[in-house]
PDB file of N, CA and C in Angstrom:
ATOM      1  N   MET A   1       0.999-185.417  30.626  1.00  0.00           N
ATOM      2  CA  MET A   1       1.919-186.459  30.214  1.00  0.00           C
ATOM      3  C   MET A   1       1.444-187.037  28.882  1.00  0.00           C
ATOM      4  N   SER A   2       2.361-187.178  27.963  1.00  0.00           N
ATOM      5  CA  SER A   2       2.028-187.680  26.639  1.00  0.00           C
ATOM      6  C   SER A   2       2.562-189.102  26.478  1.00  0.00           C
ATOM      7  N   PHE A   3       1.679-190.012  26.086  1.00  0.00           N
ATOM      8  CA  PHE A   3       2.069-191.402  25.896  1.00  0.00           C
ATOM      9  C   PHE A   3       2.171-191.715  24.413  1.00  0.00           C
ATOM     10  N   SER A   4       2.942-192.743  24.088  1.00  0.00           N
ATOM     11  CA  SER A   4       3.048-193.212  22.710  1.00  0.00           C
ATOM     12  C   SER A   4       1.739-193.881  22.306  1.00  0.00           C
ATOM     13  N   LYS A   5       1.581-194.101  21.008  1.00  0.00           N
ATOM     14  CA  LYS A   5       0.399-194.800  20.512  1.00  0.00           C
ATOM     15  C   LYS A   5       0.287-196.166  21.167  1.00  0.00           C
ATOM     16  N   ALA A   6       1.407-196.890  21.205  1.00  0.00           N
ATOM     17  CA  ALA A   6       1.407-198.243  21.779  1.00  0.00           C
ATOM     18  C   ALA A   6       0.969-198.204  23.235  1.00  0.00           C
ATOM     19  N   LYS A   7       1.519-197.284  24.007  1.00  0.00           N
ATOM     20  CA  LYS A   7       1.198-197.203  25.429  1.00  0.00           C
ATOM     21  C   LYS A   7      -0.266-196.833  25.636  1.00  0.00           C
ATOM     22  N   ARG A   8      -0.781-195.935  24.816  1.00  0.00           N
ATOM     23  CA  ARG A   8      -2.188-195.536  24.938  1.00  0.00           C
ATOM     24  C   ARG A   8      -3.111-196.721  24.682  1.00  0.00           C
ATOM     25  N   LEU A   9      -2.788-197.533  23.672  1.00  0.00           N
ATOM     26  CA  LEU A   9      -3.611-198.706  23.376  1.00  0.00           C
ATOM     27  C   LEU A   9      -3.511-199.742  24.500  1.00  0.00           C
ATOM     28  N   GLU A  10      -2.318-199.900  25.062  1.00  0.00           N
ATOM     29  CA  GLU A  10      -2.153-200.823  26.185  1.00  0.00           C
ATOM     30  C   GLU A  10      -2.943-200.341  27.402  1.00  0.00           C
ATOM     31  N   LEU A  11      -2.912-199.047  27.669  1.00  0.00           N
ATOM     32  CA  LEU A  11      -3.686-198.492  28.784  1.00  0.00           C
ATOM     33  C   LEU A  11      -5.183-198.701  28.565  1.00  0.00           C
ATOM     34  N   TYR A  12      -5.614-198.564  27.322  1.00  0.00           N
ATOM     35  CA  TYR A  12      -7.024-198.802  26.986  1.00  0.00           C
ATOM     36  C   TYR A  12      -7.433-200.211  27.410  1.00  0.00           C
ATOM     37  N   THR A  13      -6.596-201.201  27.073  1.00  0.00           N
ATOM     38  CA  THR A  13      -6.957-202.591  27.398  1.00  0.00           C
ATOM     39  C   THR A  13      -6.850-202.877  28.891  1.00  0.00           C
ATOM     40  N   LEU A  14      -6.057-202.106  29.610  1.00  0.00           N
ATOM     41  CA  LEU A  14      -6.044-202.244  31.069  1.00  0.00           C
ATOM     42  C   LEU A  14      -7.360-201.762  31.666  1.00  0.00           C
ATOM     43  N   GLN A  15      -7.905-200.687  31.089  1.00  0.00           N
ATOM     44  CA  GLN A  15      -9.177-200.153  31.575  1.00  0.00           C
ATOM     45  C   GLN A  15     -10.371-200.955  31.069  1.00  0.00           C
ATOM     46  N   ARG A  16     -10.175-201.686  29.998  1.00  0.00           N
ATOM     47  CA  ARG A  16     -11.253-202.518  29.433  1.00  0.00           C
ATOM     48  C   ARG A  16     -10.750-203.952  29.235  1.00  0.00           C
ATOM     49  N   PRO A  17     -10.557-204.685  30.343  1.00  0.00           N
ATOM     50  CA  PRO A  17     -10.001-206.045  30.246  1.00  0.00           C
ATOM     51  C   PRO A  17     -10.919-207.033  29.530  1.00  0.00           C
ATOM     52  N   GLN A  18     -12.157-206.644  29.286  1.00  0.00           N
ATOM     53  CA  GLN A  18     -13.090-207.513  28.564  1.00  0.00           C
ATOM     54  C   GLN A  18     -12.915-207.392  27.057  1.00  0.00           C
ATOM     55  N   GLU A  19     -11.928-206.584  26.632  1.00  0.00           N
ATOM     56  CA  GLU A  19     -11.680-206.371  25.212  1.00  0.00           C
ATOM     57  C   GLU A  19     -10.254-206.741  24.825  1.00  0.00           C
ATOM     58  N   VAL A  20     -10.112-207.086  23.557  1.00  0.00           N
ATOM     59  CA  VAL A  20      -8.825-207.329  22.918  1.00  0.00           C
ATOM     60  C   VAL A  20      -8.771-206.398  21.714  1.00  0.00           C
ATOM     61  N   LEU A  21      -7.610-205.808  21.476  1.00  0.00           N
ATOM     62  CA  LEU A  21      -7.427-204.991  20.279  1.00  0.00           C
ATOM     63  C   LEU A  21      -6.548-205.747  19.287  1.00  0.00           C
ATOM     64  N   LEU A  22      -6.940-205.720  18.035  1.00  0.00           N
ATOM     65  CA  LEU A  22      -6.139-206.277  16.958  1.00  0.00           C
ATOM     66  C   LEU A  22      -5.789-205.116  16.033  1.00  0.00           C
ATOM     67  N   VAL A  23      -4.499-204.820  15.945  1.00  0.00           N
ATOM     68  CA  VAL A  23      -4.024-203.661  15.189  1.00  0.00           C
ATOM     69  C   VAL A  23      -3.284-204.148  13.949  1.00  0.00           C
ATOM     70  N   ARG A  24      -3.757-203.736  12.778  1.00  0.00           N
ATOM     71  CA  ARG A  24      -3.088-204.036  11.517  1.00  0.00           C
ATOM     72  C   ARG A  24      -2.296-202.795  11.113  1.00  0.00           C
ATOM     73  N   LEU A  25      -1.005-203.001  10.852  1.00  0.00           N
ATOM     74  CA  LEU A  25      -0.139-201.849  10.624  1.00  0.00           C
ATOM     75  C   LEU A  25       1.050-202.212   9.759  1.00  0.00           C
ATOM     76  N   GLU A  26       1.807-201.175   9.450  1.00  0.00           N
ATOM     77  CA  GLU A  26       3.098-201.326   8.793  1.00  0.00           C
ATOM     78  C   GLU A  26       4.118-200.637   9.674  1.00  0.00           C
ATOM     79  N   ASN A  27       5.132-201.390  10.072  1.00  0.00           N
ATOM     80  CA  ASN A  27       6.174-200.909  10.968  1.00  0.00           C
ATOM     81  C   ASN A  27       7.506-201.009  10.234  1.00  0.00           C
ATOM     82  N   ALA A  28       8.161-199.894   9.969  1.00  0.00           N
ATOM     83  CA  ALA A  28       9.452-199.873   9.261  1.00  0.00           C
ATOM     84  C   ALA A  28       9.364-200.625   7.937  1.00  0.00           C
ATOM     85  N   GLY A  29       8.260-200.436   7.229  1.00  0.00           N
ATOM     86  CA  GLY A  29       8.080-201.063   5.931  1.00  0.00           C
ATOM     87  C   GLY A  29       7.611-202.510   5.970  1.00  0.00           C
ATOM     88  N   GLU A  30       7.451-203.071   7.161  1.00  0.00           N
ATOM     89  CA  GLU A  30       7.028-204.468   7.311  1.00  0.00           C
ATOM     90  C   GLU A  30       5.583-204.539   7.797  1.00  0.00           C
ATOM     91  N   PRO A  31       4.732-205.335   7.133  1.00  0.00           N
ATOM     92  CA  PRO A  31       3.370-205.505   7.631  1.00  0.00           C
ATOM     93  C   PRO A  31       3.384-206.300   8.932  1.00  0.00           C
ATOM     94  N   ASP A  32       2.442-205.997   9.803  1.00  0.00           N
ATOM     95  CA  ASP A  32       2.357-206.710  11.074  1.00  0.00           C
ATOM     96  C   ASP A  32       0.928-206.640  11.589  1.00  0.00           C
ATOM     97  N   GLN A  33       0.628-207.546  12.491  1.00  0.00           N
ATOM     98  CA  GLN A  33      -0.618-207.525  13.246  1.00  0.00           C
ATOM     99  C   GLN A  33      -0.236-207.656  14.714  1.00  0.00           C
ATOM    100  N   ILE A  34      -0.708-206.719  15.508  1.00  0.00           N
ATOM    101  CA  ILE A  34      -0.401-206.698  16.935  1.00  0.00           C
ATOM    102  C   ILE A  34      -1.690-206.934  17.710  1.00  0.00           C
ATOM    103  N   MET A  35      -1.643-207.869  18.647  1.00  0.00           N
ATOM    104  CA  MET A  35      -2.771-208.110  19.540  1.00  0.00           C
ATOM    105  C   MET A  35      -2.416-207.481  20.888  1.00  0.00           C
ATOM    106  N   ILE A  36      -3.363-206.718  21.440  1.00  0.00           N
ATOM    107  CA  ILE A  36      -3.139-206.054  22.721  1.00  0.00           C
ATOM    108  C   ILE A  36      -4.237-206.496  23.674  1.00  0.00           C
ATOM    109  N   PHE A  37      -3.820-206.991  24.847  1.00  0.00           N
ATOM    110  CA  PHE A  37      -4.761-207.515  25.836  1.00  0.00           C
ATOM    111  C   PHE A  37      -4.206-207.276  27.227  1.00  0.00           C
ATOM    112  N   LYS A  38      -5.015-206.671  28.086  1.00  0.00           N
ATOM    113  CA  LYS A  38      -4.649-206.397  29.481  1.00  0.00           C
ATOM    114  C   LYS A  38      -3.279-205.742  29.612  1.00  0.00           C
ATOM    115  N   GLY A  39      -3.019-204.776  28.722  1.00  0.00           N
ATOM    116  CA  GLY A  39      -1.798-203.989  28.834  1.00  0.00           C
ATOM    117  C   GLY A  39      -0.571-204.573  28.169  1.00  0.00           C
ATOM    118  N   PHE A  40      -0.701-205.722  27.519  1.00  0.00           N
ATOM    119  CA  PHE A  40       0.444-206.349  26.869  1.00  0.00           C
ATOM    120  C   PHE A  40       0.209-206.456  25.370  1.00  0.00           C
ATOM    121  N   SER A  41       1.282-206.251  24.609  1.00  0.00           N
ATOM    122  CA  SER A  41       1.224-206.336  23.154  1.00  0.00           C
ATOM    123  C   SER A  41       2.025-207.540  22.678  1.00  0.00           C
ATOM    124  N   SER A  42       1.507-208.182  21.636  1.00  0.00           N
ATOM    125  CA  SER A  42       2.193-209.317  21.052  1.00  0.00           C
ATOM    126  C   SER A  42       1.975-209.305  19.546  1.00  0.00           C
ATOM    127  N   SER A  43       3.056-209.522  18.798  1.00  0.00           N
ATOM    128  CA  SER A  43       2.949-209.575  17.342  1.00  0.00           C
ATOM    129  C   SER A  43       2.452-210.951  16.930  1.00  0.00           C
ATOM    130  N   LEU A  44       1.541-210.962  15.968  1.00  0.00           N
ATOM    131  CA  LEU A  44       1.045-212.221  15.419  1.00  0.00           C
ATOM    132  C   LEU A  44       1.840-212.639  14.192  1.00  0.00           C
ATOM    133  N   MET A  45       2.733-211.761  13.700  1.00  0.00           N
ATOM    134  CA  MET A  45       3.454-212.043  12.460  1.00  0.00           C
ATOM    135  C   MET A  45       4.973-211.987  12.605  1.00  0.00           C
ATOM    136  N   GLN A  46       5.467-211.327  13.637  1.00  0.00           N
ATOM    137  CA  GLN A  46       6.906-211.139  13.842  1.00  0.00           C
ATOM    138  C   GLN A  46       7.274-211.678  15.231  1.00  0.00           C
ATOM    139  N   ALA A  47       8.566-211.817  15.453  1.00  0.00           N
ATOM    140  CA  ALA A  47       9.035-212.169  16.794  1.00  0.00           C
ATOM    141  C   ALA A  47       8.730-210.998  17.721  1.00  0.00           C
ATOM    142  N   THR A  48       8.246-211.294  18.909  1.00  0.00           N
ATOM    143  CA  THR A  48       7.938-210.263  19.897  1.00  0.00           C
ATOM    144  C   THR A  48       9.118-210.128  20.848  1.00  0.00           C
ATOM    145  N   ASN A  49       9.585-208.905  21.040  1.00  0.00           N
ATOM    146  CA  ASN A  49      10.702-208.638  21.934  1.00  0.00           C
ATOM    147  C   ASN A  49      10.343-209.079  23.353  1.00  0.00           C
ATOM    148  N   PHE A  50      11.301-209.670  24.042  1.00  0.00           N
ATOM    149  CA  PHE A  50      11.066-210.127  25.414  1.00  0.00           C
ATOM    150  C   PHE A  50      10.939-208.972  26.401  1.00  0.00           C
ATOM    151  N   ASP A  51      11.462-207.818  26.031  1.00  0.00           N
ATOM    152  CA  ASP A  51      11.419-206.645  26.906  1.00  0.00           C
ATOM    153  C   ASP A  51      10.099-205.898  26.684  1.00  0.00           C
ATOM    154  N   PRO A  52       9.188-205.921  27.677  1.00  0.00           N
ATOM    155  CA  PRO A  52       7.898-205.253  27.490  1.00  0.00           C
ATOM    156  C   PRO A  52       8.004-203.737  27.386  1.00  0.00           C
ATOM    157  N   ASP A  53       9.170-203.175  27.718  1.00  0.00           N
ATOM    158  CA  ASP A  53       9.352-201.727  27.607  1.00  0.00           C
ATOM    159  C   ASP A  53       9.673-201.288  26.182  1.00  0.00           C
ATOM    160  N   VAL A  54       9.945-202.242  25.291  1.00  0.00           N
ATOM    161  CA  VAL A  54      10.203-201.923  23.888  1.00  0.00           C
ATOM    162  C   VAL A  54       8.870-202.012  23.149  1.00  0.00           C
ATOM    163  N   PRO A  55       8.327-200.861  22.712  1.00  0.00           N
ATOM    164  CA  PRO A  55       7.008-200.881  22.069  1.00  0.00           C
ATOM    165  C   PRO A  55       7.042-201.588  20.724  1.00  0.00           C
ATOM    166  N   LEU A  56       5.994-202.356  20.446  1.00  0.00           N
ATOM    167  CA  LEU A  56       5.876-203.050  19.169  1.00  0.00           C
ATOM    168  C   LEU A  56       5.355-202.122  18.078  1.00  0.00           C
ATOM    169  N   ILE A  57       4.733-201.045  18.479  1.00  0.00           N
ATOM    170  CA  ILE A  57       4.201-200.072  17.521  1.00  0.00           C
ATOM    171  C   ILE A  57       5.044-198.805  17.633  1.00  0.00           C
ATOM    172  N   SER A  58       5.855-198.557  16.612  1.00  0.00           N
ATOM    173  CA  SER A  58       6.686-197.360  16.641  1.00  0.00           C
ATOM    174  C   SER A  58       5.811-196.141  16.361  1.00  0.00           C
ATOM    175  N   GLU A  59       6.308-194.990  16.726  1.00  0.00           N
ATOM    176  CA  GLU A  59       5.562-193.755  16.476  1.00  0.00           C
ATOM    177  C   GLU A  59       5.438-193.474  14.979  1.00  0.00           C
ATOM    178  N   SER A  60       6.349-194.032  14.175  1.00  0.00           N
ATOM    179  CA  SER A  60       6.275-193.824  12.736  1.00  0.00           C
ATOM    180  C   SER A  60       5.459-194.908  12.026  1.00  0.00           C
ATOM    181  N   ALA A  61       4.939-195.877  12.782  1.00  0.00           N
ATOM    182  CA  ALA A  61       4.150-196.951  12.180  1.00  0.00           C
ATOM    183  C   ALA A  61       2.893-196.382  11.520  1.00  0.00           C
ATOM    184  N   ILE A  62       2.497-197.017  10.436  1.00  0.00           N
ATOM    185  CA  ILE A  62       1.256-196.651   9.758  1.00  0.00           C
ATOM    186  C   ILE A  62       0.197-197.650  10.205  1.00  0.00           C
ATOM    187  N   ILE A  63      -0.791-197.160  10.940  1.00  0.00           N
ATOM    188  CA  ILE A  63      -1.870-198.016  11.421  1.00  0.00           C
ATOM    189  C   ILE A  63      -2.975-198.014  10.371  1.00  0.00           C
ATOM    190  N   PHE A  64      -3.264-199.198   9.841  1.00  0.00           N
ATOM    191  CA  PHE A  64      -4.300-199.331   8.817  1.00  0.00           C
ATOM    192  C   PHE A  64      -5.677-199.496   9.437  1.00  0.00           C
ATOM    193  N   ALA A  65      -5.760-200.303  10.495  1.00  0.00           N
ATOM    194  CA  ALA A  65      -7.066-200.571  11.107  1.00  0.00           C
ATOM    195  C   ALA A  65      -6.884-201.143  12.501  1.00  0.00           C
ATOM    196  N   ILE A  66      -7.860-200.825  13.359  1.00  0.00           N
ATOM    197  CA  ILE A  66      -7.906-201.370  14.715  1.00  0.00           C
ATOM    198  C   ILE A  66      -9.267-202.021  14.899  1.00  0.00           C
ATOM    199  N   ASP A  67      -9.245-203.271  15.329  1.00  0.00           N
ATOM    200  CA  ASP A  67     -10.481-203.992  15.629  1.00  0.00           C
ATOM    201  C   ASP A  67     -10.608-204.144  17.133  1.00  0.00           C
ATOM    202  N   ARG A  68     -11.799-203.911  17.638  1.00  0.00           N
ATOM    203  CA  ARG A  68     -12.116-204.160  19.047  1.00  0.00           C
ATOM    204  C   ARG A  68     -12.887-205.480  19.103  1.00  0.00           C
ATOM    205  N   LEU A  69     -12.372-206.414  19.909  1.00  0.00           N
ATOM    206  CA  LEU A  69     -12.982-207.732  20.011  1.00  0.00           C
ATOM    207  C   LEU A  69     -13.280-208.072  21.464  1.00  0.00           C
ATOM    208  N   VAL A  70     -14.223-209.000  21.647  1.00  0.00           N
ATOM    209  CA  VAL A  70     -14.565-209.499  22.973  1.00  0.00           C
ATOM    210  C   VAL A  70     -13.459-210.441  23.435  1.00  0.00           C
ATOM    211  N   SER A  71     -13.074-210.324  24.689  1.00  0.00           N
ATOM    212  CA  SER A  71     -12.135-211.243  25.301  1.00  0.00           C
ATOM    213  C   SER A  71     -12.919-212.367  25.974  1.00  0.00           C
ATOM    214  N   PRO A  72     -12.478-213.602  25.944  1.00  0.00           N
ATOM    215  CA  PRO A  72     -11.228-214.050  25.345  1.00  0.00           C
ATOM    216  C   PRO A  72     -11.336-214.140  23.835  1.00  0.00           C
ATOM    217  N   TYR A  73     -10.201-213.876  23.188  1.00  0.00           N
ATOM    218  CA  TYR A  73     -10.122-213.934  21.734  1.00  0.00           C
ATOM    219  C   TYR A  73     -10.060-215.392  21.296  1.00  0.00           C
ATOM    220  N   ILE A  74     -10.970-215.785  20.441  1.00  0.00           N
ATOM    221  CA  ILE A  74     -10.998-217.137  19.899  1.00  0.00           C
ATOM    222  C   ILE A  74     -10.789-216.993  18.391  1.00  0.00           C
ATOM    223  N   PRO A  75      -9.592-217.355  17.893  1.00  0.00           N
ATOM    224  CA  PRO A  75      -9.260-217.105  16.486  1.00  0.00           C
ATOM    225  C   PRO A  75     -10.265-217.657  15.482  1.00  0.00           C
ATOM    226  N   ASN A  76     -10.830-218.829  15.738  1.00  0.00           N
ATOM    227  CA  ASN A  76     -11.766-219.391  14.767  1.00  0.00           C
ATOM    228  C   ASN A  76     -13.204-218.926  14.992  1.00  0.00           C
ATOM    229  N   ASN A  77     -13.413-218.090  16.011  1.00  0.00           N
ATOM    230  CA  ASN A  77     -14.748-217.537  16.262  1.00  0.00           C
ATOM    231  C   ASN A  77     -14.625-216.159  16.926  1.00  0.00           C
ATOM    232  N   PRO A  78     -13.983-215.206  16.236  1.00  0.00           N
ATOM    233  CA  PRO A  78     -13.819-213.877  16.847  1.00  0.00           C
ATOM    234  C   PRO A  78     -15.158-213.155  16.967  1.00  0.00           C
ATOM    235  N   GLN A  79     -15.322-212.447  18.080  1.00  0.00           N
ATOM    236  CA  GLN A  79     -16.535-211.670  18.313  1.00  0.00           C
ATOM    237  C   GLN A  79     -16.155-210.186  18.303  1.00  0.00           C
ATOM    238  N   TYR A  80     -16.493-209.537  17.214  1.00  0.00           N
ATOM    239  CA  TYR A  80     -16.108-208.136  17.015  1.00  0.00           C
ATOM    240  C   TYR A  80     -17.093-207.191  17.679  1.00  0.00           C
ATOM    241  N   LEU A  81     -16.544-206.170  18.337  1.00  0.00           N
ATOM    242  CA  LEU A  81     -17.341-205.058  18.836  1.00  0.00           C
ATOM    243  C   LEU A  81     -17.356-203.948  17.786  1.00  0.00           C
ATOM    244  N   GLN A  82     -16.178-203.697  17.198  1.00  0.00           N
ATOM    245  CA  GLN A  82     -16.022-202.742  16.098  1.00  0.00           C
ATOM    246  C   GLN A  82     -14.873-203.227  15.234  1.00  0.00           C
ATOM    247  N   GLN A  83     -14.990-203.025  13.931  1.00  0.00           N
ATOM    248  CA  GLN A  83     -13.942-203.431  12.995  1.00  0.00           C
ATOM    249  C   GLN A  83     -13.493-202.253  12.159  1.00  0.00           C
ATOM    250  N   GLY A  84     -12.208-202.257  11.841  1.00  0.00           N
ATOM    251  CA  GLY A  84     -11.685-201.304  10.875  1.00  0.00           C
ATOM    252  C   GLY A  84     -11.604-199.865  11.336  1.00  0.00           C
ATOM    253  N   LEU A  85     -11.458-199.646  12.644  1.00  0.00           N
ATOM    254  CA  LEU A  85     -11.311-198.275  13.131  1.00  0.00           C
ATOM    255  C   LEU A  85      -9.994-197.685  12.636  1.00  0.00           C
ATOM    256  N   THR A  86     -10.020-196.433  12.248  1.00  0.00           N
ATOM    257  CA  THR A  86      -8.782-195.729  11.905  1.00  0.00           C
ATOM    258  C   THR A  86      -8.127-195.282  13.212  1.00  0.00           C
ATOM    259  N   TRP A  87      -6.849-194.879  13.131  1.00  0.00           N
ATOM    260  CA  TRP A  87      -6.184-194.354  14.326  1.00  0.00           C
ATOM    261  C   TRP A  87      -6.941-193.128  14.837  1.00  0.00           C
ATOM    262  N   GLU A  88      -7.431-192.289  13.949  1.00  0.00           N
ATOM    263  CA  GLU A  88      -8.142-191.080  14.356  1.00  0.00           C
ATOM    264  C   GLU A  88      -9.423-191.430  15.115  1.00  0.00           C
ATOM    265  N   GLN A  89     -10.142-192.451  14.657  1.00  0.00           N
ATOM    266  CA  GLN A  89     -11.355-192.878  15.364  1.00  0.00           C
ATOM    267  C   GLN A  89     -11.015-193.456  16.743  1.00  0.00           C
ATOM    268  N   MET A  90      -9.950-194.252  16.802  1.00  0.00           N
ATOM    269  CA  MET A  90      -9.542-194.829  18.079  1.00  0.00           C
ATOM    270  C   MET A  90      -9.046-193.739  19.018  1.00  0.00           C
ATOM    271  N   GLU A  91      -8.378-192.755  18.459  1.00  0.00           N
ATOM    272  CA  GLU A  91      -7.866-191.645  19.264  1.00  0.00           C
ATOM    273  C   GLU A  91      -9.012-190.887  19.937  1.00  0.00           C
ATOM    274  N   GLU A  92     -10.140-190.746  19.247  1.00  0.00           N
ATOM    275  CA  GLU A  92     -11.314-190.109  19.852  1.00  0.00           C
ATOM    276  C   GLU A  92     -11.801-190.896  21.068  1.00  0.00           C
ATOM    277  N   ILE A  93     -11.803-192.222  20.957  1.00  0.00           N
ATOM    278  CA  ILE A  93     -12.208-193.074  22.080  1.00  0.00           C
ATOM    279  C   ILE A  93     -11.225-192.911  23.236  1.00  0.00           C
ATOM    280  N   LEU A  94      -9.934-192.925  22.906  1.00  0.00           N
ATOM    281  CA  LEU A  94      -8.896-192.777  23.935  1.00  0.00           C
ATOM    282  C   LEU A  94      -9.009-191.425  24.639  1.00  0.00           C
ATOM    283  N   GLU A  95      -9.238-190.373  23.880  1.00  0.00           N
ATOM    284  CA  GLU A  95      -9.356-189.044  24.472  1.00  0.00           C
ATOM    285  C   GLU A  95     -10.597-188.957  25.377  1.00  0.00           C
ATOM    286  N   ALA A  96     -11.691-189.593  24.971  1.00  0.00           N
ATOM    287  CA  ALA A  96     -12.900-189.603  25.807  1.00  0.00           C
ATOM    288  C   ALA A  96     -12.653-190.335  27.122  1.00  0.00           C
ATOM    289  N   MET A  97     -11.684-191.263  27.119  1.00  0.00           N
ATOM    290  CA  MET A  97     -11.334-192.019  28.322  1.00  0.00           C
ATOM    291  C   MET A  97     -10.165-191.378  29.077  1.00  0.00           C
ATOM    292  N   ASN A  98      -9.717-190.203  28.607  1.00  0.00           N
ATOM    293  CA  ASN A  98      -8.572-189.499  29.192  1.00  0.00           C
ATOM    294  C   ASN A  98      -7.281-190.313  29.135  1.00  0.00           C
ATOM    295  N   ILE A  99      -7.101-191.014  28.033  1.00  0.00           N
ATOM    296  CA  ILE A  99      -5.867-191.791  27.834  1.00  0.00           C
ATOM    297  C   ILE A  99      -5.060-191.098  26.753  1.00  0.00           C
TER     298      ILE A  99
END
């Protein structure tokens, strides 16, 4: 079974609830930052669709960087585990976890 990028990242956070992902990307020409925690995605820059089945990260989105942070996320004191991962680097982690 093949999952979308968004679904794979959400599954990652379900398996690692002690982490939050912050994804910096461009979606349909618009810059965005998506926070993913415990299987849910939320945009920090755009309105988030109320329907959780509508992915915030399209398959054509350009992912610039993914940060892994300690949960709970505290905006004025973020605790990074890794910063600036490329999609390819994150994909290696996902594949090692069979996601």
